[in-house]
Amino acid sequence: MCILKVTRLEEVFRDKYSFGVERKVLDSLEKASHQLNAILSSFMAKYDESNTLLIFYYAGHGLYEDNTVVLTG
């Protein structure tokens, strides 16, 4: 069900608004937060311009721990 929602959202951004779309799938054996930091850092290094828009959608799980949100994959 989640994959279908992500696919539909991707289609809306790409087809209706003509945005470039990159889908990243996290490795369940690695820490989600580390992978996300690497993905976001790579995006910023590649597209760091004033007219760049990043829309980030995380379709995973998370928990609230020690006043911090922890993404768990």
Protein backbone atom coordinates (compact mmCIF):
# COMPACT_ATOMS: atom_id res chain seq x y z
CA MET A 1 0.00 0.00 0.00
CA CYS A 2 2.80 2.45 0.90
CA ILE A 3 4.61 1.81 -2.42
CA LEU A 4 1.43 2.68 -4.32
CA LYS A 5 1.07 5.98 -2.41
CA VAL A 6 4.69 6.91 -3.07
CA THR A 7 4.31 6.04 -6.76
CA ARG A 8 1.20 8.21 -7.05
CA LEU A 9 2.91 11.11 -5.30
CA GLU A 10 5.93 10.73 -7.57
CA GLU A 11 3.65 10.81 -10.64
CA VAL A 12 1.92 13.99 -9.46
CA PHE A 13 5.21 15.82 -8.92
CA ARG A 14 6.69 14.59 -12.21
CA ASP A 15 3.66 14.66 -14.52
CA LYS A 16 1.55 17.51 -13.16
CA TYR A 17 4.26 19.89 -11.93
CA SER A 18 7.21 18.80 -14.13
CA PHE A 19 9.54 18.33 -11.16
CA GLY A 20 12.57 16.10 -11.39
CA VAL A 21 11.97 13.17 -9.05
CA GLU A 22 14.53 10.94 -7.36
CA ARG A 23 13.27 7.99 -5.35
CA LYS A 24 15.65 6.56 -2.77
CA VAL A 25 15.04 3.26 -1.00
CA LEU A 26 16.84 2.75 2.28
CA ASP A 27 18.73 -0.41 3.19
CA SER A 28 16.93 -1.99 6.13
CA LEU A 29 20.25 -3.26 7.53
CA GLU A 30 21.70 0.24 7.91
CA LYS A 31 20.59 3.08 10.21
CA ALA A 32 17.91 5.10 8.44
CA SER A 33 19.16 8.41 9.86
CA HIS A 34 22.69 7.84 8.53
CA GLN A 35 21.41 6.97 5.06
CA LEU A 36 19.11 10.00 5.02
CA ASN A 37 21.95 12.30 6.07
CA ALA A 38 24.08 10.96 3.21
CA ILE A 39 21.24 11.33 0.68
CA LEU A 40 20.47 14.90 1.77
CA SER A 41 24.16 15.86 1.80
CA SER A 42 24.58 14.49 -1.70
CA PHE A 43 21.52 16.39 -2.91
CA MET A 44 22.78 19.65 -1.43
CA ALA A 45 26.23 19.19 -2.97
CA LYS A 46 24.67 18.57 -6.38
CA TYR A 47 21.80 21.11 -6.38
CA ASP A 48 22.80 23.89 -3.96
CA GLU A 49 21.29 26.88 -5.77
CA SER A 50 18.83 29.57 -4.74
CA ASN A 51 16.12 28.28 -7.10
CA THR A 52 16.24 24.64 -5.96
CA LEU A 53 13.27 23.12 -4.16
CA LEU A 54 13.60 19.93 -2.14
CA ILE A 55 10.40 18.14 -1.20
CA PHE A 56 11.23 15.31 1.16
CA TYR A 57 8.75 12.49 1.85
CA TYR A 58 9.73 9.79 4.31
CA ALA A 59 7.48 6.72 4.19
CA GLY A 60 9.06 4.88 7.08
CA HIS A 61 8.73 4.56 10.81
CA GLY A 62 10.02 6.77 13.56
CA LEU A 63 9.87 7.17 17.30
CA TYR A 64 10.29 9.94 19.81
CA GLU A 65 13.24 9.27 22.12
CA ASP A 66 15.00 11.67 24.51
CA ASN A 67 13.31 14.75 22.97
CA THR A 68 14.51 13.69 19.51
CA VAL A 69 12.73 12.10 16.56
CA VAL A 70 14.54 8.91 15.52
CA LEU A 71 13.85 7.56 12.02
CA THR A 72 13.86 3.77 12.10
CA GLY A 73 13.24 2.71 8.49
